[in-house]
């Protein structure tokens, strides 16, 4: 992942609210949960498509050497694309 894409991902991720919320991405509706762990050094996002089978899960580690994205059993590009597309519903 390029540094520019990582920066765009981090900026989009940081705008997402903590806790559970609904959102849309690429025409689908999701129930999303975002958590901060270890004083914000570790973050987790899980999203389940409502009425569908899609599932997104990732861990994000904020290390002194830089951010590390660790998707859970899926390509990094899938979780990056999802976070960049995700719009929180009000």
PDB file of N, CA and C in Angstrom:
ATOM      1  N   UNK A   1       0.856  -1.166   0.000  1.00  0.00           N
ATOM      2  CA  UNK A   1       0.000   0.000   0.000  1.00  0.00           C
ATOM      3  C   UNK A   1       0.906   1.235   0.000  1.00  0.00           C
ATOM      4  N   UNK A   2       0.553   2.193  -0.825  1.00  0.00           N
ATOM      5  CA  UNK A   2       1.354   3.413  -0.902  1.00  0.00           C
ATOM      6  C   UNK A   2       1.159   4.251   0.364  1.00  0.00           C
ATOM      7  N   UNK A   3       2.138   5.080   0.688  1.00  0.00           N
ATOM      8  CA  UNK A   3       1.976   5.963   1.855  1.00  0.00           C
ATOM      9  C   UNK A   3       0.762   6.890   1.718  1.00  0.00           C
ATOM     10  N   UNK A   4       0.465   7.337   0.507  1.00  0.00           N
ATOM     11  CA  UNK A   4      -0.688   8.208   0.283  1.00  0.00           C
ATOM     12  C   UNK A   4      -1.998   7.473   0.562  1.00  0.00           C
ATOM     13  N   UNK A   5      -2.088   6.235   0.110  1.00  0.00           N
ATOM     14  CA  UNK A   5      -3.307   5.455   0.341  1.00  0.00           C
ATOM     15  C   UNK A   5      -3.468   5.145   1.831  1.00  0.00           C
ATOM     16  N   UNK A   6      -2.357   4.841   2.503  1.00  0.00           N
ATOM     17  CA  UNK A   6      -2.409   4.592   3.941  1.00  0.00           C
ATOM     18  C   UNK A   6      -2.887   5.843   4.673  1.00  0.00           C
ATOM     19  N   UNK A   7      -2.381   7.006   4.287  1.00  0.00           N
ATOM     20  CA  UNK A   7      -2.807   8.258   4.928  1.00  0.00           C
ATOM     21  C   UNK A   7      -4.289   8.510   4.698  1.00  0.00           C
ATOM     22  N   UNK A   8      -4.781   8.263   3.490  1.00  0.00           N
ATOM     23  CA  UNK A   8      -6.207   8.434   3.195  1.00  0.00           C
ATOM     24  C   UNK A   8      -7.040   7.461   4.022  1.00  0.00           C
ATOM     25  N   UNK A   9      -6.578   6.210   4.143  1.00  0.00           N
ATOM     26  CA  UNK A   9      -7.267   5.211   4.953  1.00  0.00           C
ATOM     27  C   UNK A   9      -7.327   5.652   6.409  1.00  0.00           C
ATOM     28  N   UNK A  10      -6.192   6.076   6.970  1.00  0.00           N
ATOM     29  CA  UNK A  10      -6.149   6.486   8.375  1.00  0.00           C
ATOM     30  C   UNK A  10      -7.062   7.690   8.623  1.00  0.00           C
ATOM     31  N   UNK A  11      -7.074   8.641   7.715  1.00  0.00           N
ATOM     32  CA  UNK A  11      -7.930   9.816   7.867  1.00  0.00           C
ATOM     33  C   UNK A  11      -9.397   9.406   7.867  1.00  0.00           C
ATOM     34  N   UNK A  12      -9.787   8.506   6.950  1.00  0.00           N
ATOM     35  CA  UNK A  12     -11.168   8.033   6.894  1.00  0.00           C
ATOM     36  C   UNK A  12     -11.512   7.216   8.136  1.00  0.00           C
ATOM     37  N   UNK A  13     -10.612   6.349   8.556  1.00  0.00           N
ATOM     38  CA  UNK A  13     -10.839   5.513   9.741  1.00  0.00           C
ATOM     39  C   UNK A  13     -11.056   6.383  10.974  1.00  0.00           C
ATOM     40  N   UNK A  14     -10.245   7.416  11.131  1.00  0.00           N
ATOM     41  CA  UNK A  14     -10.307   8.267  12.317  1.00  0.00           C
ATOM     42  C   UNK A  14     -11.590   9.087  12.401  1.00  0.00           C
ATOM     43  N   UNK A  15     -12.302   9.250  11.291  1.00  0.00           N
ATOM     44  CA  UNK A  15     -13.572   9.987  11.331  1.00  0.00           C
ATOM     45  C   UNK A  15     -14.735   9.102  11.775  1.00  0.00           C
ATOM     46  N   UNK A  16     -14.536   7.788  11.785  1.00  0.00           N
ATOM     47  CA  UNK A  16     -15.619   6.879  12.160  1.00  0.00           C
ATOM     48  C   UNK A  16     -15.860   6.927  13.665  1.00  0.00           C
ATOM     49  N   UNK A  17     -17.129   6.894  14.073  1.00  0.00           N
ATOM     50  CA  UNK A  17     -17.419   6.956  15.511  1.00  0.00           C
ATOM     51  C   UNK A  17     -17.051   5.656  16.226  1.00  0.00           C
ATOM     52  N   UNK A  18     -16.732   5.788  17.503  1.00  0.00           N
ATOM     53  CA  UNK A  18     -16.514   4.608  18.333  1.00  0.00           C
ATOM     54  C   UNK A  18     -17.858   3.973  18.661  1.00  0.00           C
ATOM     55  N   UNK A  19     -17.853   2.682  18.876  1.00  0.00           N
ATOM     56  CA  UNK A  19     -19.079   1.967  19.209  1.00  0.00           C
ATOM     57  C   UNK A  19     -19.745   1.420  17.968  1.00  0.00           C
ATOM     58  N   UNK A  20     -21.022   1.102  18.104  1.00  0.00           N
ATOM     59  CA  UNK A  20     -21.791   0.496  17.012  1.00  0.00           C
ATOM     60  C   UNK A  20     -22.560   1.576  16.252  1.00  0.00           C
ATOM     61  N   UNK A  21     -22.596   1.430  14.933  1.00  0.00           N
ATOM     62  CA  UNK A  21     -23.340   2.355  14.080  1.00  0.00           C
ATOM     63  C   UNK A  21     -23.666   1.655  12.768  1.00  0.00           C
ATOM     64  N   UNK A  22     -24.600   2.219  12.027  1.00  0.00           N
ATOM     65  CA  UNK A  22     -24.900   1.707  10.697  1.00  0.00           C
ATOM     66  C   UNK A  22     -24.275   2.631   9.667  1.00  0.00           C
ATOM     67  N   UNK A  23     -23.942   2.046   8.538  1.00  0.00           N
ATOM     68  CA  UNK A  23     -23.333   2.820   7.465  1.00  0.00           C
ATOM     69  C   UNK A  23     -23.564   2.145   6.132  1.00  0.00           C
ATOM     70  N   UNK A  24     -23.220   2.859   5.065  1.00  0.00           N
ATOM     71  CA  UNK A  24     -23.326   2.308   3.725  1.00  0.00           C
ATOM     72  C   UNK A  24     -21.970   2.374   3.036  1.00  0.00           C
ATOM     73  N   UNK A  25     -21.732   1.400   2.180  1.00  0.00           N
ATOM     74  CA  UNK A  25     -20.515   1.351   1.375  1.00  0.00           C
ATOM     75  C   UNK A  25     -20.826   0.575   0.108  1.00  0.00           C
ATOM     76  N   UNK A  26     -20.484   1.166  -1.017  1.00  0.00           N
ATOM     77  CA  UNK A  26     -20.653   0.512  -2.318  1.00  0.00           C
ATOM     78  C   UNK A  26     -22.067  -0.044  -2.491  1.00  0.00           C
ATOM     79  N   UNK A  27     -23.067   0.735  -2.075  1.00  0.00           N
ATOM     80  CA  UNK A  27     -24.460   0.369  -2.293  1.00  0.00           C
ATOM     81  C   UNK A  27     -25.050  -0.616  -1.301  1.00  0.00           C
ATOM     82  N   UNK A  28     -24.296  -0.998  -0.277  1.00  0.00           N
ATOM     83  CA  UNK A  28     -24.784  -1.956   0.717  1.00  0.00           C
ATOM     84  C   UNK A  28     -24.811  -1.300   2.094  1.00  0.00           C
ATOM     85  N   UNK A  29     -25.703  -1.805   2.958  1.00  0.00           N
ATOM     86  CA  UNK A  29     -25.851  -1.287   4.311  1.00  0.00           C
ATOM     87  C   UNK A  29     -25.166  -2.241   5.287  1.00  0.00           C
ATOM     88  N   UNK A  30     -24.456  -1.681   6.268  1.00  0.00           N
ATOM     89  CA  UNK A  30     -23.673  -2.473   7.216  1.00  0.00           C
ATOM     90  C   UNK A  30     -23.950  -2.052   8.652  1.00  0.00           C
ATOM     91  N   UNK A  31     -23.850  -3.002   9.563  1.00  0.00           N
ATOM     92  CA  UNK A  31     -23.766  -2.732  10.996  1.00  0.00           C
ATOM     93  C   UNK A  31     -22.274  -2.794  11.314  1.00  0.00           C
ATOM     94  N   UNK A  32     -21.744  -1.707  11.862  1.00  0.00           N
ATOM     95  CA  UNK A  32     -20.303  -1.567  12.073  1.00  0.00           C
ATOM     96  C   UNK A  32     -20.024  -1.338  13.553  1.00  0.00           C
ATOM     97  N   UNK A  33     -18.948  -1.927  14.048  1.00  0.00           N
ATOM     98  CA  UNK A  33     -18.473  -1.665  15.400  1.00  0.00           C
ATOM     99  C   UNK A  33     -17.006  -1.280  15.318  1.00  0.00           C
ATOM    100  N   UNK A  34     -16.688  -0.150  15.950  1.00  0.00           N
ATOM    101  CA  UNK A  34     -15.291   0.304  16.023  1.00  0.00           C
ATOM    102  C   UNK A  34     -14.898   0.430  17.485  1.00  0.00           C
ATOM    103  N   UNK A  35     -13.747  -0.151  17.839  1.00  0.00           N
ATOM    104  CA  UNK A  35     -13.260  -0.124  19.223  1.00  0.00           C
ATOM    105  C   UNK A  35     -11.831   0.392  19.275  1.00  0.00           C
ATOM    106  N   UNK A  36     -11.525   1.125  20.334  1.00  0.00           N
ATOM    107  CA  UNK A  36     -10.149   1.474  20.669  1.00  0.00           C
ATOM    108  C   UNK A  36      -9.731   0.594  21.837  1.00  0.00           C
ATOM    109  N   UNK A  37      -8.555   0.000  21.740  1.00  0.00           N
ATOM    110  CA  UNK A  37      -8.022  -0.864  22.787  1.00  0.00           C
ATOM    111  C   UNK A  37      -6.620  -0.384  23.160  1.00  0.00           C
ATOM    112  N   UNK A  38      -6.146  -0.769  24.302  1.00  0.00           N
ATOM    113  CA  UNK A  38      -4.783  -0.434  24.753  1.00  0.00           C
ATOM    114  C   UNK A  38      -4.503   1.064  24.632  1.00  0.00           C
ATOM    115  N   UNK A  39      -5.450   1.858  25.112  1.00  0.00           N
ATOM    116  CA  UNK A  39      -5.261   3.306  25.085  1.00  0.00           C
ATOM    117  C   UNK A  39      -5.189   3.891  23.692  1.00  0.00           C
ATOM    118  N   UNK A  40      -5.842   3.249  22.726  1.00  0.00           N
ATOM    119  CA  UNK A  40      -5.852   3.741  21.354  1.00  0.00           C
ATOM    120  C   UNK A  40      -4.703   3.234  20.500  1.00  0.00           C
ATOM    121  N   UNK A  41      -3.813   2.443  21.082  1.00  0.00           N
ATOM    122  CA  UNK A  41      -2.690   1.903  20.312  1.00  0.00           C
ATOM    123  C   UNK A  41      -3.118   0.761  19.412  1.00  0.00           C
ATOM    124  N   UNK A  42      -4.245   0.146  19.754  1.00  0.00           N
ATOM    125  CA  UNK A  42      -4.823  -0.923  18.948  1.00  0.00           C
ATOM    126  C   UNK A  42      -6.285  -0.560  18.697  1.00  0.00           C
ATOM    127  N   UNK A  43      -6.713  -0.727  17.459  1.00  0.00           N
ATOM    128  CA  UNK A  43      -8.090  -0.416  17.103  1.00  0.00           C
ATOM    129  C   UNK A  43      -8.650  -1.566  16.285  1.00  0.00           C
ATOM    130  N   UNK A  44      -9.956  -1.784  16.427  1.00  0.00           N
ATOM    131  CA  UNK A  44     -10.612  -2.891  15.736  1.00  0.00           C
ATOM    132  C   UNK A  44     -11.878  -2.378  15.069  1.00  0.00           C
ATOM    133  N   UNK A  45     -12.135  -2.885  13.875  1.00  0.00           N
ATOM    134  CA  UNK A  45     -13.367  -2.572  13.166  1.00  0.00           C
ATOM    135  C   UNK A  45     -13.937  -3.872  12.617  1.00  0.00           C
ATOM    136  N   UNK A  46     -15.223  -4.082  12.859  1.00  0.00           N
ATOM    137  CA  UNK A  46     -15.948  -5.233  12.329  1.00  0.00           C
ATOM    138  C   UNK A  46     -17.223  -4.707  11.695  1.00  0.00           C
ATOM    139  N   UNK A  47     -17.524  -5.160  10.479  1.00  0.00           N
ATOM    140  CA  UNK A  47     -18.736  -4.741   9.772  1.00  0.00           C
ATOM    141  C   UNK A  47     -19.412  -5.962   9.174  1.00  0.00           C
ATOM    142  N   UNK A  48     -20.725  -6.027   9.353  1.00  0.00           N
ATOM    143  CA  UNK A  48     -21.526  -7.114   8.780  1.00  0.00           C
ATOM    144  C   UNK A  48     -22.581  -6.488   7.884  1.00  0.00           C
ATOM    145  N   UNK A  49     -22.652  -6.989   6.662  1.00  0.00           N
ATOM    146  CA  UNK A  49     -23.654  -6.490   5.727  1.00  0.00           C
ATOM    147  C   UNK A  49     -25.047  -6.889   6.206  1.00  0.00           C
ATOM    148  N   UNK A  50     -25.942  -5.920   6.270  1.00  0.00           N
ATOM    149  CA  UNK A  50     -27.324  -6.187   6.660  1.00  0.00           C
ATOM    150  C   UNK A  50     -28.078  -6.721   5.449  1.00  0.00           C
ATOM    151  N   UNK A  51     -28.640  -7.904   5.572  1.00  0.00           N
ATOM    152  CA  UNK A  51     -29.358  -8.521   4.465  1.00  0.00           C
ATOM    153  C   UNK A  51     -28.450  -9.144   3.425  1.00  0.00           C
ATOM    154  N   UNK A  52     -27.179  -9.324   3.766  1.00  0.00           N
ATOM    155  CA  UNK A  52     -26.226  -9.909   2.820  1.00  0.00           C
ATOM    156  C   UNK A  52     -25.187 -10.724   3.561  1.00  0.00           C
ATOM    157  N   UNK A  53     -24.188 -11.170   2.824  1.00  0.00           N
ATOM    158  CA  UNK A  53     -23.194 -12.064   3.404  1.00  0.00           C
ATOM    159  C   UNK A  53     -21.821 -11.418   3.606  1.00  0.00           C
ATOM    160  N   UNK A  54     -21.647 -10.151   3.214  1.00  0.00           N
ATOM    161  CA  UNK A  54     -20.320  -9.538   3.300  1.00  0.00           C
ATOM    162  C   UNK A  54     -19.926  -9.306   4.753  1.00  0.00           C
ATOM    163  N   UNK A  55     -18.635  -9.438   4.999  1.00  0.00           N
ATOM    164  CA  UNK A  55     -18.083  -9.292   6.340  1.00  0.00           C
ATOM    165  C   UNK A  55     -16.720  -8.629   6.213  1.00  0.00           C
ATOM    166  N   UNK A  56     -16.466  -7.632   7.048  1.00  0.00           N
ATOM    167  CA  UNK A  56     -15.191  -6.919   7.076  1.00  0.00           C
ATOM    168  C   UNK A  56     -14.673  -6.972   8.502  1.00  0.00           C
ATOM    169  N   UNK A  57     -13.383  -7.271   8.664  1.00  0.00           N
ATOM    170  CA  UNK A  57     -12.786  -7.283   9.990  1.00  0.00           C
ATOM    171  C   UNK A  57     -11.322  -6.879   9.877  1.00  0.00           C
ATOM    172  N   UNK A  58     -10.917  -5.949  10.739  1.00  0.00           N
ATOM    173  CA  UNK A  58      -9.520  -5.506  10.704  1.00  0.00           C
ATOM    174  C   UNK A  58      -9.061  -5.070  12.072  1.00  0.00           C
ATOM    175  N   UNK A  59      -7.761  -5.166  12.255  1.00  0.00           N
ATOM    176  CA  UNK A  59      -7.086  -4.606  13.412  1.00  0.00           C
ATOM    177  C   UNK A  59      -6.101  -3.578  12.883  1.00  0.00           C
ATOM    178  N   UNK A  60      -5.983  -2.475  13.606  1.00  0.00           N
ATOM    179  CA  UNK A  60      -5.079  -1.405  13.235  1.00  0.00           C
ATOM    180  C   UNK A  60      -4.222  -1.103  14.451  1.00  0.00           C
ATOM    181  N   UNK A  61      -2.910  -1.167  14.266  1.00  0.00           N
ATOM    182  CA  UNK A  61      -1.981  -0.924  15.360  1.00  0.00           C
ATOM    183  C   UNK A  61      -1.257   0.390  15.109  1.00  0.00           C
ATOM    184  N   UNK A  62      -1.292   1.288  16.091  1.00  0.00           N
ATOM    185  CA  UNK A  62      -0.624   2.589  15.984  1.00  0.00           C
ATOM    186  C   UNK A  62       0.699   2.484  16.755  1.00  0.00           C
ATOM    187  N   UNK A  63       1.748   2.147  16.036  1.00  0.00           N
ATOM    188  CA  UNK A  63       3.067   1.946  16.629  1.00  0.00           C
ATOM    189  C   UNK A  63       3.916   3.193  16.459  1.00  0.00           C
ATOM    190  N   UNK A  64       4.950   3.332  17.260  1.00  0.00           N
ATOM    191  CA  UNK A  64       5.844   4.476  17.102  1.00  0.00           C
ATOM    192  C   UNK A  64       6.533   4.444  15.744  1.00  0.00           C
ATOM    193  N   UNK A  65       6.674   3.264  15.170  1.00  0.00           N
ATOM    194  CA  UNK A  65       7.288   3.132  13.844  1.00  0.00           C
ATOM    195  C   UNK A  65       6.290   3.365  12.707  1.00  0.00           C
ATOM    196  N   UNK A  66       5.021   3.581  13.059  1.00  0.00           N
ATOM    197  CA  UNK A  66       3.993   3.831  12.047  1.00  0.00           C
ATOM    198  C   UNK A  66       2.810   2.905  12.213  1.00  0.00           C
ATOM    199  N   UNK A  67       1.749   3.200  11.501  1.00  0.00           N
ATOM    200  CA  UNK A  67       0.517   2.406  11.568  1.00  0.00           C
ATOM    201  C   UNK A  67       0.704   1.081  10.843  1.00  0.00           C
ATOM    202  N   UNK A  68       0.126   0.026  11.415  1.00  0.00           N
ATOM    203  CA  UNK A  68       0.149  -1.308  10.802  1.00  0.00           C
ATOM    204  C   UNK A  68      -1.281  -1.807  10.686  1.00  0.00           C
ATOM    205  N   UNK A  69      -1.710  -2.069   9.478  1.00  0.00           N
ATOM    206  CA  UNK A  69      -3.044  -2.590   9.203  1.00  0.00           C
ATOM    207  C   UNK A  69      -2.962  -4.099   9.095  1.00  0.00           C
ATOM    208  N   UNK A  70      -3.806  -4.775   9.858  1.00  0.00           N
ATOM    209  CA  UNK A  70      -3.856  -6.239   9.840  1.00  0.00           C
ATOM    210  C   UNK A  70      -5.290  -6.682   9.603  1.00  0.00           C
ATOM    211  N   UNK A  71      -5.674  -6.891   8.348  1.00  0.00           N
ATOM    212  CA  UNK A  71      -7.007  -7.420   8.062  1.00  0.00           C
ATOM    213  C   UNK A  71      -7.129  -8.846   8.596  1.00  0.00           C
ATOM    214  N   UNK A  72      -8.332  -9.240   8.910  1.00  0.00           N
ATOM    215  CA  UNK A  72      -8.581 -10.591   9.426  1.00  0.00           C
ATOM    216  C   UNK A  72      -9.062 -11.488   8.291  1.00  0.00           C
ATOM    217  N   UNK A  73      -8.164 -12.302   7.772  1.00  0.00           N
ATOM    218  CA  UNK A  73      -8.465 -13.304   6.755  1.00  0.00           C
ATOM    219  C   UNK A  73      -9.118 -12.740   5.498  1.00  0.00           C
ATOM    220  N   UNK A  74      -8.656 -11.567   5.072  1.00  0.00           N
ATOM    221  CA  UNK A  74      -9.116 -10.971   3.817  1.00  0.00           C
ATOM    222  C   UNK A  74      -8.029 -10.029   3.322  1.00  0.00           C
ATOM    223  N   UNK A  75      -8.050  -9.705   2.037  1.00  0.00           N
ATOM    224  CA  UNK A  75      -7.016  -8.816   1.492  1.00  0.00           C
ATOM    225  C   UNK A  75      -7.106  -7.408   2.092  1.00  0.00           C
ATOM    226  N   UNK A  76      -5.949  -6.795   2.288  1.00  0.00           N
ATOM    227  CA  UNK A  76      -5.898  -5.421   2.795  1.00  0.00           C
ATOM    228  C   UNK A  76      -6.669  -4.479   1.879  1.00  0.00           C
ATOM    229  N   UNK A  77      -6.596  -4.688   0.593  1.00  0.00           N
ATOM    230  CA  UNK A  77      -7.287  -3.805  -0.353  1.00  0.00           C
ATOM    231  C   UNK A  77      -8.796  -3.800  -0.100  1.00  0.00           C
ATOM    232  N   UNK A  78      -9.355  -4.928   0.294  1.00  0.00           N
ATOM    233  CA  UNK A  78     -10.795  -4.985   0.568  1.00  0.00           C
ATOM    234  C   UNK A  78     -11.167  -4.095   1.748  1.00  0.00           C
ATOM    235  N   UNK A  79     -10.402  -4.160   2.843  1.00  0.00           N
ATOM    236  CA  UNK A  79     -10.742  -3.357   4.012  1.00  0.00           C
ATOM    237  C   UNK A  79     -10.458  -1.870   3.770  1.00  0.00           C
ATOM    238  N   UNK A  80      -9.403  -1.564   3.026  1.00  0.00           N
ATOM    239  CA  UNK A  80      -9.101  -0.166   2.695  1.00  0.00           C
ATOM    240  C   UNK A  80     -10.221   0.410   1.839  1.00  0.00           C
ATOM    241  N   UNK A  81     -10.627  -0.312   0.806  1.00  0.00           N
ATOM    242  CA  UNK A  81     -11.712   0.144  -0.073  1.00  0.00           C
ATOM    243  C   UNK A  81     -13.003   0.359   0.721  1.00  0.00           C
ATOM    244  N   UNK A  82     -13.286  -0.566   1.649  1.00  0.00           N
ATOM    245  CA  UNK A  82     -14.494  -0.449   2.463  1.00  0.00           C
ATOM    246  C   UNK A  82     -14.442   0.805   3.333  1.00  0.00           C
ATOM    247  N   UNK A  83     -13.367   1.018   4.063  1.00  0.00           N
ATOM    248  CA  UNK A  83     -13.280   2.177   4.969  1.00  0.00           C
ATOM    249  C   UNK A  83     -13.340   3.479   4.166  1.00  0.00           C
ATOM    250  N   UNK A  84     -12.684   3.522   3.022  1.00  0.00           N
ATOM    251  CA  UNK A  84     -12.718   4.740   2.204  1.00  0.00           C
ATOM    252  C   UNK A  84     -14.130   5.022   1.676  1.00  0.00           C
ATOM    253  N   UNK A  85     -14.906   3.984   1.436  1.00  0.00           N
ATOM    254  CA  UNK A  85     -16.265   4.155   0.895  1.00  0.00           C
ATOM    255  C   UNK A  85     -17.324   4.330   1.976  1.00  0.00           C
ATOM    256  N   UNK A  86     -17.026   3.938   3.212  1.00  0.00           N
ATOM    257  CA  UNK A  86     -18.033   3.891   4.274  1.00  0.00           C
ATOM    258  C   UNK A  86     -18.570   5.277   4.627  1.00  0.00           C
ATOM    259  N   UNK A  87     -19.877   5.387   4.603  1.00  0.00           N
ATOM    260  CA  UNK A  87     -20.587   6.614   5.001  1.00  0.00           C
ATOM    261  C   UNK A  87     -21.474   6.272   6.192  1.00  0.00           C
ATOM    262  N   UNK A  88     -21.284   6.985   7.291  1.00  0.00           N
ATOM    263  CA  UNK A  88     -22.072   6.759   8.500  1.00  0.00           C
ATOM    264  C   UNK A  88     -23.495   7.281   8.268  1.00  0.00           C
ATOM    265  N   UNK A  89     -24.492   6.463   8.635  1.00  0.00           N
ATOM    266  CA  UNK A  89     -25.884   6.868   8.541  1.00  0.00           C
ATOM    267  C   UNK A  89     -26.288   7.531   9.842  1.00  0.00           C
ATOM    268  N   UNK A  90     -27.103   8.544   9.726  1.00  0.00           N
ATOM    269  CA  UNK A  90     -27.551   9.249  10.944  1.00  0.00           C
ATOM    270  C   UNK A  90     -28.984   8.927  11.266  1.00  0.00           C
TER     271      UNK A  90
END
